Amino acid sequence: GVSVLTSMSRNGVISLLVASAVVGTALARHGTLQWKGWLLAIL
């Protein structure tokens, strides 16, 4: 993630942010990981 941000590619950063939002939303709605889903907030 750090290397994507420092690559200076705006398209890459936007792709990373959109993918993170989609995965986070899907996990929140699915809810199978319970407390472990909060582990992803470390990323």
All heavy atoms as atom14 arrays in JSON, in Angstrom:
{
  "sequence": "GVSVLTSMSRNGVISLLVASAVVGTALARHGTLQWKGWLLAIL",
  "atom14_mask": [
    [1, 1, 1, 1, 0, 0, 0, 0, 0, 0, 0, 0, 0, 0],
    [1, 1, 1, 1, 1, 1, 1, 0, 0, 0, 0, 0, 0, 0],
    [1, 1, 1, 1, 1, 1, 0, 0, 0, 0, 0, 0, 0, 0],
    [1, 1, 1, 1, 1, 1, 1, 0, 0, 0, 0, 0, 0, 0],
    [1, 1, 1, 1, 1, 1, 1, 1, 0, 0, 0, 0, 0, 0],
    [1, 1, 1, 1, 1, 1, 1, 0, 0, 0, 0, 0, 0, 0],
    [1, 1, 1, 1, 1, 1, 0, 0, 0, 0, 0, 0, 0, 0],
    [1, 1, 1, 1, 1, 1, 1, 1, 0, 0, 0, 0, 0, 0],
    [1, 1, 1, 1, 1, 1, 0, 0, 0, 0, 0, 0, 0, 0],
    [1, 1, 1, 1, 1, 1, 1, 1, 1, 1, 1, 0, 0, 0],
    [1, 1, 1, 1, 1, 1, 1, 1, 0, 0, 0, 0, 0, 0],
    [1, 1, 1, 1, 0, 0, 0, 0, 0, 0, 0, 0, 0, 0],
    [1, 1, 1, 1, 1, 1, 1, 0, 0, 0, 0, 0, 0, 0],
    [1, 1, 1, 1, 1, 1, 1, 1, 0, 0, 0, 0, 0, 0],
    [1, 1, 1, 1, 1, 1, 0, 0, 0, 0, 0, 0, 0, 0],
    [1, 1, 1, 1, 1, 1, 1, 1, 0, 0, 0, 0, 0, 0],
    [1, 1, 1, 1, 1, 1, 1, 1, 0, 0, 0, 0, 0, 0],
    [1, 1, 1, 1, 1, 1, 1, 0, 0, 0, 0, 0, 0, 0],
    [1, 1, 1, 1, 1, 0, 0, 0, 0, 0, 0, 0, 0, 0],
    [1, 1, 1, 1, 1, 1, 0, 0, 0, 0, 0, 0, 0, 0],
    [1, 1, 1, 1, 1, 0, 0, 0, 0, 0, 0, 0, 0, 0],
    [1, 1, 1, 1, 1, 1, 1, 0, 0, 0, 0, 0, 0, 0],
    [1, 1, 1, 1, 1, 1, 1, 0, 0, 0, 0, 0, 0, 0],
    [1, 1, 1, 1, 0, 0, 0, 0, 0, 0, 0, 0, 0, 0],
    [1, 1, 1, 1, 1, 1, 1, 0, 0, 0, 0, 0, 0, 0],
    [1, 1, 1, 1, 1, 0, 0, 0, 0, 0, 0, 0, 0, 0],
    [1, 1, 1, 1, 1, 1, 1, 1, 0, 0, 0, 0, 0, 0],
    [1, 1, 1, 1, 1, 0, 0, 0, 0, 0, 0, 0, 0, 0],
    [1, 1, 1, 1, 1, 1, 1, 1, 1, 1, 1, 0, 0, 0],
    [1, 1, 1, 1, 1, 1, 1, 1, 1, 1, 0, 0, 0, 0],
    [1, 1, 1, 1, 0, 0, 0, 0, 0, 0, 0, 0, 0, 0],
    [1, 1, 1, 1, 1, 1, 1, 0, 0, 0, 0, 0, 0, 0],
    [1, 1, 1, 1, 1, 1, 1, 1, 0, 0, 0, 0, 0, 0],
    [1, 1, 1, 1, 1, 1, 1, 1, 1, 0, 0, 0, 0, 0],
    [1, 1, 1, 1, 1, 1, 1, 1, 1, 1, 1, 1, 1, 1],
    [1, 1, 1, 1, 1, 1, 1, 1, 1, 0, 0, 0, 0, 0],
    [1, 1, 1, 1, 0, 0, 0, 0, 0, 0, 0, 0, 0, 0],
    [1, 1, 1, 1, 1, 1, 1, 1, 1, 1, 1, 1, 1, 1],
    [1, 1, 1, 1, 1, 1, 1, 1, 0, 0, 0, 0, 0, 0],
    [1, 1, 1, 1, 1, 1, 1, 1, 0, 0, 0, 0, 0, 0],
    [1, 1, 1, 1, 1, 0, 0, 0, 0, 0, 0, 0, 0, 0],
    [1, 1, 1, 1, 1, 1, 1, 1, 0, 0, 0, 0, 0, 0],
    [1, 1, 1, 1, 1, 1, 1, 1, 0, 0, 0, 0, 0, 0]
  ],
  "atom14_positions": [
    [[0.81, -1.22, 0.0], [0.0, 0.0, 0.0], [0.84, 1.26, 0.0], [0.54, 2.23, -0.71], [0.0, 0.0, 0.0], [0.0, 0.0, 0.0], [0.0, 0.0, 0.0], [0.0, 0.0, 0.0], [0.0, 0.0, 0.0], [0.0, 0.0, 0.0], [0.0, 0.0, 0.0], [0.0, 0.0, 0.0], [0.0, 0.0, 0.0], [0.0, 0.0, 0.0]],
    [[1.91, 1.25, 0.79], [2.81, 2.42, 0.84], [3.45, 2.65, -0.53], [3.55, 3.79, -1.0], [3.88, 2.22, 1.92], [4.94, 3.32, 1.84], [3.25, 2.21, 3.31], [0.0, 0.0, 0.0], [0.0, 0.0, 0.0], [0.0, 0.0, 0.0], [0.0, 0.0, 0.0], [0.0, 0.0, 0.0], [0.0, 0.0, 0.0], [0.0, 0.0, 0.0]],
    [[3.88, 1.59, -1.18], [4.54, 1.73, -2.48], [3.58, 2.25, -3.54], [4.0, 2.97, -4.46], [5.16, 0.4, -2.92], [4.15, -0.55, -3.22], [0.0, 0.0, 0.0], [0.0, 0.0, 0.0], [0.0, 0.0, 0.0], [0.0, 0.0, 0.0], [0.0, 0.0, 0.0], [0.0, 0.0, 0.0], [0.0, 0.0, 0.0], [0.0, 0.0, 0.0]],
    [[2.3, 1.89, -3.45], [1.32, 2.42, -4.41], [1.16, 3.92, -4.22], [1.14, 4.69, -5.19], [-0.04, 1.7, -4.25], [-1.13, 2.41, -5.06], [0.06, 0.25, -4.68], [0.0, 0.0, 0.0], [0.0, 0.0, 0.0], [0.0, 0.0, 0.0], [0.0, 0.0, 0.0], [0.0, 0.0, 0.0], [0.0, 0.0, 0.0], [0.0, 0.0, 0.0]],
    [[1.06, 4.38, -2.99], [0.9, 5.81, -2.71], [2.14, 6.6, -3.14], [2.03, 7.71, -3.66], [0.62, 6.04, -1.24], [-0.76, 5.57, -0.74], [-0.87, 5.73, 0.76], [-1.87, 6.34, -1.43], [0.0, 0.0, 0.0], [0.0, 0.0, 0.0], [0.0, 0.0, 0.0], [0.0, 0.0, 0.0], [0.0, 0.0, 0.0], [0.0, 0.0, 0.0]],
    [[3.31, 6.03, -2.92], [4.54, 6.75, -3.27], [4.92, 6.61, -4.74], [5.88, 7.24, -5.18], [5.71, 6.24, -2.4], [5.84, 4.82, -2.57], [5.5, 6.56, -0.95], [0.0, 0.0, 0.0], [0.0, 0.0, 0.0], [0.0, 0.0, 0.0], [0.0, 0.0, 0.0], [0.0, 0.0, 0.0], [0.0, 0.0, 0.0], [0.0, 0.0, 0.0]],
    [[4.18, 5.79, -5.49], [4.46, 5.66, -6.93], [4.04, 6.88, -7.71], [4.38, 7.02, -8.89], [3.75, 4.42, -7.49], [2.34, 4.62, -7.51], [0.0, 0.0, 0.0], [0.0, 0.0, 0.0], [0.0, 0.0, 0.0], [0.0, 0.0, 0.0], [0.0, 0.0, 0.0], [0.0, 0.0, 0.0], [0.0, 0.0, 0.0], [0.0, 0.0, 0.0]],
    [[3.26, 7.77, -7.09], [2.76, 8.99, -7.71], [1.74, 8.7, -8.82], [1.49, 9.55, -9.68], [3.89, 9.86, -8.28], [4.94, 10.22, -7.25], [4.21, 11.06, -5.83], [5.46, 10.79, -4.59], [0.0, 0.0, 0.0], [0.0, 0.0, 0.0], [0.0, 0.0, 0.0], [0.0, 0.0, 0.0], [0.0, 0.0, 0.0], [0.0, 0.0, 0.0]],
    [[1.17, 7.52, -8.81], [0.12, 7.19, -9.77], [-1.24, 7.49, -9.15], [-1.68, 6.78, -8.24], [0.22, 5.71, -10.17], [-0.89, 5.34, -10.95], [0.0, 0.0, 0.0], [0.0, 0.0, 0.0], [0.0, 0.0, 0.0], [0.0, 0.0, 0.0], [0.0, 0.0, 0.0], [0.0, 0.0, 0.0], [0.0, 0.0, 0.0], [0.0, 0.0, 0.0]],
    [[-1.89, 8.5, -9.65], [-3.2, 8.86, -9.11], [-4.23, 7.77, -9.42], [-5.1, 7.47, -8.59], [-3.64, 10.21, -9.67], [-2.81, 11.38, -9.17], [-3.07, 12.65, -9.93], [-2.64, 12.55, -11.31], [-2.48, 13.59, -12.13], [-2.69, 14.82, -11.66], [-2.1, 13.44, -13.38], [0.0, 0.0, 0.0], [0.0, 0.0, 0.0], [0.0, 0.0, 0.0]],
    [[-4.13, 7.17, -10.6], [-5.05, 6.08, -10.94], [-4.87, 4.91, -9.98], [-5.84, 4.26, -9.58], [-4.82, 5.63, -12.38], [-5.27, 6.66, -13.39], [-6.12, 7.49, -13.09], [-4.7, 6.62, -14.57], [0.0, 0.0, 0.0], [0.0, 0.0, 0.0], [0.0, 0.0, 0.0], [0.0, 0.0, 0.0], [0.0, 0.0, 0.0], [0.0, 0.0, 0.0]],
    [[-3.62, 4.62, -9.66], [-3.35, 3.52, -8.73], [-3.91, 3.78, -7.35], [-4.47, 2.88, -6.71], [0.0, 0.0, 0.0], [0.0, 0.0, 0.0], [0.0, 0.0, 0.0], [0.0, 0.0, 0.0], [0.0, 0.0, 0.0], [0.0, 0.0, 0.0], [0.0, 0.0, 0.0], [0.0, 0.0, 0.0], [0.0, 0.0, 0.0], [0.0, 0.0, 0.0]],
    [[-3.77, 5.03, -6.88], [-4.29, 5.38, -5.55], [-5.82, 5.32, -5.54], [-6.43, 4.8, -4.6], [-3.81, 6.79, -5.15], [-4.47, 7.23, -3.85], [-2.29, 6.79, -4.99], [0.0, 0.0, 0.0], [0.0, 0.0, 0.0], [0.0, 0.0, 0.0], [0.0, 0.0, 0.0], [0.0, 0.0, 0.0], [0.0, 0.0, 0.0], [0.0, 0.0, 0.0]],
    [[-6.44, 5.84, -6.61], [-7.9, 5.78, -6.68], [-8.39, 4.34, -6.7], [-9.37, 3.99, -6.02], [-8.39, 6.55, -7.92], [-8.11, 8.05, -7.76], [-9.88, 6.32, -8.16], [-8.41, 8.86, -8.99], [0.0, 0.0, 0.0], [0.0, 0.0, 0.0], [0.0, 0.0, 0.0], [0.0, 0.0, 0.0], [0.0, 0.0, 0.0], [0.0, 0.0, 0.0]],
    [[-7.72, 3.49, -7.47], [-8.08, 2.07, -7.52], [-7.96, 1.43, -6.14], [-8.82, 0.64, -5.73], [-7.19, 1.33, -8.52], [-7.33, 1.85, -9.82], [0.0, 0.0, 0.0], [0.0, 0.0, 0.0], [0.0, 0.0, 0.0], [0.0, 0.0, 0.0], [0.0, 0.0, 0.0], [0.0, 0.0, 0.0], [0.0, 0.0, 0.0], [0.0, 0.0, 0.0]],
    [[-6.89, 1.77, -5.42], [-6.68, 1.22, -4.09], [-7.78, 1.65, -3.13], [-8.32, 0.83, -2.36], [-5.31, 1.65, -3.56], [-4.94, 1.21, -2.14], [-4.92, -0.31, -2.03], [-3.59, 1.79, -1.73], [0.0, 0.0, 0.0], [0.0, 0.0, 0.0], [0.0, 0.0, 0.0], [0.0, 0.0, 0.0], [0.0, 0.0, 0.0], [0.0, 0.0, 0.0]],
    [[-8.15, 2.92, -3.18], [-9.19, 3.44, -2.28], [-10.55, 2.83, -2.6], [-11.3, 2.44, -1.7], [-9.25, 4.96, -2.37], [-8.0, 5.71, -1.88], [-8.18, 7.21, -2.1], [-7.73, 5.4, -0.42], [0.0, 0.0, 0.0], [0.0, 0.0, 0.0], [0.0, 0.0, 0.0], [0.0, 0.0, 0.0], [0.0, 0.0, 0.0], [0.0, 0.0, 0.0]],
    [[-10.88, 2.73, -3.88], [-12.16, 2.15, -4.27], [-12.24, 0.68, -3.87], [-13.25, 0.22, -3.32], [-12.38, 2.31, -5.79], [-13.62, 1.53, -6.25], [-12.54, 3.78, -6.16], [0.0, 0.0, 0.0], [0.0, 0.0, 0.0], [0.0, 0.0, 0.0], [0.0, 0.0, 0.0], [0.0, 0.0, 0.0], [0.0, 0.0, 0.0], [0.0, 0.0, 0.0]],
    [[-11.17, -0.07, -4.12], [-11.15, -1.48, -3.75], [-11.28, -1.66, -2.24], [-11.99, -2.55, -1.76], [-9.87, -2.14, -4.25], [0.0, 0.0, 0.0], [0.0, 0.0, 0.0], [0.0, 0.0, 0.0], [0.0, 0.0, 0.0], [0.0, 0.0, 0.0], [0.0, 0.0, 0.0], [0.0, 0.0, 0.0], [0.0, 0.0, 0.0], [0.0, 0.0, 0.0]],
    [[-10.61, -0.79, -1.48], [-10.69, -0.87, -0.02], [-12.12, -0.61, 0.45], [-12.62, -1.3, 1.35], [-9.74, 0.14, 0.62], [-8.4, -0.1, 0.23], [0.0, 0.0, 0.0], [0.0, 0.0, 0.0], [0.0, 0.0, 0.0], [0.0, 0.0, 0.0], [0.0, 0.0, 0.0], [0.0, 0.0, 0.0], [0.0, 0.0, 0.0], [0.0, 0.0, 0.0]],
    [[-12.78, 0.37, -0.17], [-14.15, 0.68, 0.22], [-15.1, -0.48, -0.1], [-15.97, -0.83, 0.7], [-14.62, 1.95, -0.48], [0.0, 0.0, 0.0], [0.0, 0.0, 0.0], [0.0, 0.0, 0.0], [0.0, 0.0, 0.0], [0.0, 0.0, 0.0], [0.0, 0.0, 0.0], [0.0, 0.0, 0.0], [0.0, 0.0, 0.0], [0.0, 0.0, 0.0]],
    [[-14.91, -1.1, -1.25], [-15.77, -2.21, -1.65], [-15.58, -3.41, -0.74], [-16.55, -4.02, -0.25], [-15.5, -2.6, -3.12], [-16.23, -3.89, -3.48], [-15.92, -1.48, -4.05], [0.0, 0.0, 0.0], [0.0, 0.0, 0.0], [0.0, 0.0, 0.0], [0.0, 0.0, 0.0], [0.0, 0.0, 0.0], [0.0, 0.0, 0.0], [0.0, 0.0, 0.0]],
    [[-14.31, -3.75, -0.46], [-14.04, -4.9, 0.42], [-14.54, -4.62, 1.83], [-15.15, -5.5, 2.46], [-12.52, -5.2, 0.42], [-12.19, -6.26, 1.47], [-12.08, -5.69, -0.94], [0.0, 0.0, 0.0], [0.0, 0.0, 0.0], [0.0, 0.0, 0.0], [0.0, 0.0, 0.0], [0.0, 0.0, 0.0], [0.0, 0.0, 0.0], [0.0, 0.0, 0.0]],
    [[-14.29, -3.42, 2.32], [-14.76, -3.08, 3.67], [-16.27, -3.14, 3.79], [-16.81, -3.67, 4.78], [0.0, 0.0, 0.0], [0.0, 0.0, 0.0], [0.0, 0.0, 0.0], [0.0, 0.0, 0.0], [0.0, 0.0, 0.0], [0.0, 0.0, 0.0], [0.0, 0.0, 0.0], [0.0, 0.0, 0.0], [0.0, 0.0, 0.0], [0.0, 0.0, 0.0]],
    [[-16.98, -2.63, 2.78], [-18.44, -2.68, 2.8], [-18.95, -4.11, 2.74], [-19.89, -4.48, 3.47], [-19.0, -1.88, 1.62], [-18.53, -0.52, 1.69], [-20.52, -1.88, 1.63], [0.0, 0.0, 0.0], [0.0, 0.0, 0.0], [0.0, 0.0, 0.0], [0.0, 0.0, 0.0], [0.0, 0.0, 0.0], [0.0, 0.0, 0.0], [0.0, 0.0, 0.0]],
    [[-18.33, -4.92, 1.9], [-18.75, -6.32, 1.77], [-18.55, -7.08, 3.08], [-19.41, -7.87, 3.5], [-17.99, -6.99, 0.64], [0.0, 0.0, 0.0], [0.0, 0.0, 0.0], [0.0, 0.0, 0.0], [0.0, 0.0, 0.0], [0.0, 0.0, 0.0], [0.0, 0.0, 0.0], [0.0, 0.0, 0.0], [0.0, 0.0, 0.0], [0.0, 0.0, 0.0]],
    [[-17.42, -6.85, 3.73], [-17.15, -7.52, 5.01], [-18.12, -7.06, 6.09], [-18.59, -7.86, 6.91], [-15.71, -7.27, 5.44], [-14.62, -7.95, 4.61], [-13.25, -7.51, 5.09], [-14.75, -9.46, 4.68], [0.0, 0.0, 0.0], [0.0, 0.0, 0.0], [0.0, 0.0, 0.0], [0.0, 0.0, 0.0], [0.0, 0.0, 0.0], [0.0, 0.0, 0.0]],
    [[-18.42, -5.78, 6.09], [-19.34, -5.25, 7.1], [-20.74, -5.85, 6.94], [-21.41, -6.16, 7.92], [-19.39, -3.73, 7.02], [0.0, 0.0, 0.0], [0.0, 0.0, 0.0], [0.0, 0.0, 0.0], [0.0, 0.0, 0.0], [0.0, 0.0, 0.0], [0.0, 0.0, 0.0], [0.0, 0.0, 0.0], [0.0, 0.0, 0.0], [0.0, 0.0, 0.0]],
    [[-21.17, -6.0, 5.69], [-22.5, -6.55, 5.45], [-22.54, -8.05, 5.7], [-23.54, -8.58, 6.17], [-22.93, -6.26, 4.01], [-23.11, -4.78, 3.71], [-23.8, -4.57, 2.39], [-25.15, -5.15, 2.41], [-25.98, -5.11, 1.38], [-25.61, -4.52, 0.26], [-27.18, -5.64, 1.48], [0.0, 0.0, 0.0], [0.0, 0.0, 0.0], [0.0, 0.0, 0.0]],
    [[-21.43, -8.73, 5.4], [-21.4, -10.18, 5.59], [-21.31, -10.54, 7.06], [-22.02, -11.42, 7.55], [-20.23, -10.78, 4.8], [-20.35, -12.23, 4.54], [-19.73, -13.18, 5.31], [-21.06, -12.91, 3.6], [-20.02, -14.39, 4.84], [-20.83, -14.25, 3.81], [0.0, 0.0, 0.0], [0.0, 0.0, 0.0], [0.0, 0.0, 0.0], [0.0, 0.0, 0.0]],
    [[-20.39, -9.89, 7.74], [-20.3, -10.02, 9.2], [-19.83, -11.34, 9.73], [-20.01, -11.64, 10.9], [0.0, 0.0, 0.0], [0.0, 0.0, 0.0], [0.0, 0.0, 0.0], [0.0, 0.0, 0.0], [0.0, 0.0, 0.0], [0.0, 0.0, 0.0], [0.0, 0.0, 0.0], [0.0, 0.0, 0.0], [0.0, 0.0, 0.0], [0.0, 0.0, 0.0]],
    [[-19.19, -12.18, 8.9], [-18.78, -13.5, 9.38], [-17.48, -13.47, 10.17], [-17.2, -14.4, 10.93], [-18.6, -14.45, 8.19], [-17.65, -13.89, 7.27], [-19.91, -14.68, 7.47], [0.0, 0.0, 0.0], [0.0, 0.0, 0.0], [0.0, 0.0, 0.0], [0.0, 0.0, 0.0], [0.0, 0.0, 0.0], [0.0, 0.0, 0.0], [0.0, 0.0, 0.0]],
    [[-16.68, -12.41, 10.0], [-15.39, -12.37, 10.7], [-15.52, -11.85, 12.12], [-14.57, -11.93, 12.89], [-14.4, -11.5, 9.92], [-13.98, -12.05, 8.56], [-13.02, -11.08, 7.89], [-13.34, -13.42, 8.69], [0.0, 0.0, 0.0], [0.0, 0.0, 0.0], [0.0, 0.0, 0.0], [0.0, 0.0, 0.0], [0.0, 0.0, 0.0], [0.0, 0.0, 0.0]],
    [[-16.7, -11.29, 12.47], [-16.93, -10.78, 13.81], [-15.85, -9.78, 14.19], [-15.55, -8.86, 13.44], [-17.01, -11.96, 14.8], [-18.15, -12.92, 14.48], [-18.16, -14.11, 15.39], [-17.34, -14.25, 16.28], [-19.11, -15.02, 15.16], [0.0, 0.0, 0.0], [0.0, 0.0, 0.0], [0.0, 0.0, 0.0], [0.0, 0.0, 0.0], [0.0, 0.0, 0.0]],
    [[-15.23, -9.96, 15.36], [-14.25, -8.99, 15.83], [-13.0, -8.95, 14.96], [-12.3, -7.94, 14.89], [-13.84, -9.32, 17.26], [-13.15, -10.65, 17.4], [-13.72, -11.83, 17.72], [-11.76, -10.91, 17.23], [-12.79, -12.83, 17.74], [-11.56, -12.29, 17.46], [-10.64, -10.13, 16.91], [-10.32, -12.91, 17.36], [-9.41, -10.73, 16.83], [-9.26, -12.1, 17.05]],
    [[-12.73, -10.04, 14.24], [-11.51, -10.07, 13.44], [-11.56, -9.1, 12.27], [-10.54, -8.75, 11.69], [-11.24, -11.5, 12.96], [-10.98, -12.49, 14.1], [-10.69, -13.86, 13.54], [-10.44, -14.84, 14.68], [-11.64, -15.07, 15.48], [0.0, 0.0, 0.0], [0.0, 0.0, 0.0], [0.0, 0.0, 0.0], [0.0, 0.0, 0.0], [0.0, 0.0, 0.0]],
    [[-12.76, -8.71, 11.88], [-12.86, -7.73, 10.82], [-12.21, -6.41, 11.18], [-11.71, -5.69, 10.31], [0.0, 0.0, 0.0], [0.0, 0.0, 0.0], [0.0, 0.0, 0.0], [0.0, 0.0, 0.0], [0.0, 0.0, 0.0], [0.0, 0.0, 0.0], [0.0, 0.0, 0.0], [0.0, 0.0, 0.0], [0.0, 0.0, 0.0], [0.0, 0.0, 0.0]],
    [[-12.2, -6.11, 12.48], [-11.55, -4.87, 12.92], [-10.03, -4.94, 12.74], [-9.36, -3.9, 12.72], [-11.87, -4.6, 14.39], [-13.31, -4.24, 14.59], [-14.31, -5.04, 15.04], [-13.9, -2.96, 14.34], [-15.5, -4.36, 15.09], [-15.28, -3.07, 14.67], [-13.41, -1.73, 13.88], [-16.16, -2.01, 14.54], [-14.29, -0.68, 13.75], [-15.65, -0.82, 14.08]],
    [[-9.51, -6.15, 12.59], [-8.07, -6.28, 12.36], [-7.67, -5.59, 11.06], [-6.56, -5.06, 10.95], [-7.7, -7.77, 12.3], [-6.24, -8.13, 11.95], [-5.3, -7.54, 12.98], [-6.07, -9.63, 11.88], [0.0, 0.0, 0.0], [0.0, 0.0, 0.0], [0.0, 0.0, 0.0], [0.0, 0.0, 0.0], [0.0, 0.0, 0.0], [0.0, 0.0, 0.0]],
    [[-8.58, -5.58, 10.08], [-8.27, -4.96, 8.8], [-8.11, -3.45, 8.93], [-7.55, -2.81, 8.04], [-9.38, -5.29, 7.79], [-9.55, -6.78, 7.48], [-10.67, -6.98, 6.49], [-8.26, -7.38, 6.94], [0.0, 0.0, 0.0], [0.0, 0.0, 0.0], [0.0, 0.0, 0.0], [0.0, 0.0, 0.0], [0.0, 0.0, 0.0], [0.0, 0.0, 0.0]],
    [[-8.61, -2.87, 10.01], [-8.43, -1.42, 10.21], [-6.96, -1.08, 10.43], [-6.55, 0.07, 10.27], [-9.26, -0.95, 11.39], [0.0, 0.0, 0.0], [0.0, 0.0, 0.0], [0.0, 0.0, 0.0], [0.0, 0.0, 0.0], [0.0, 0.0, 0.0], [0.0, 0.0, 0.0], [0.0, 0.0, 0.0], [0.0, 0.0, 0.0], [0.0, 0.0, 0.0]],
    [[-6.17, -2.07, 10.82], [-4.73, -1.84, 11.0], [-4.07, -1.51, 9.67], [-3.09, -0.76, 9.61], [-4.07, -3.08, 11.64], [-4.65, -3.3, 13.04], [-2.56, -2.93, 11.71], [-4.11, -4.54, 13.72], [0.0, 0.0, 0.0], [0.0, 0.0, 0.0], [0.0, 0.0, 0.0], [0.0, 0.0, 0.0], [0.0, 0.0, 0.0], [0.0, 0.0, 0.0]],
    [[-4.62, -2.04, 8.57], [-3.98, -1.88, 7.27], [-3.91, -0.43, 6.82], [-2.81, 0.07, 6.53], [-4.71, -2.74, 6.23], [-4.71, -4.25, 6.51], [-5.45, -4.99, 5.4], [-3.29, -4.77, 6.62], [0.0, 0.0, 0.0], [0.0, 0.0, 0.0], [0.0, 0.0, 0.0], [0.0, 0.0, 0.0], [0.0, 0.0, 0.0], [0.0, 0.0, 0.0]]
  ]
}
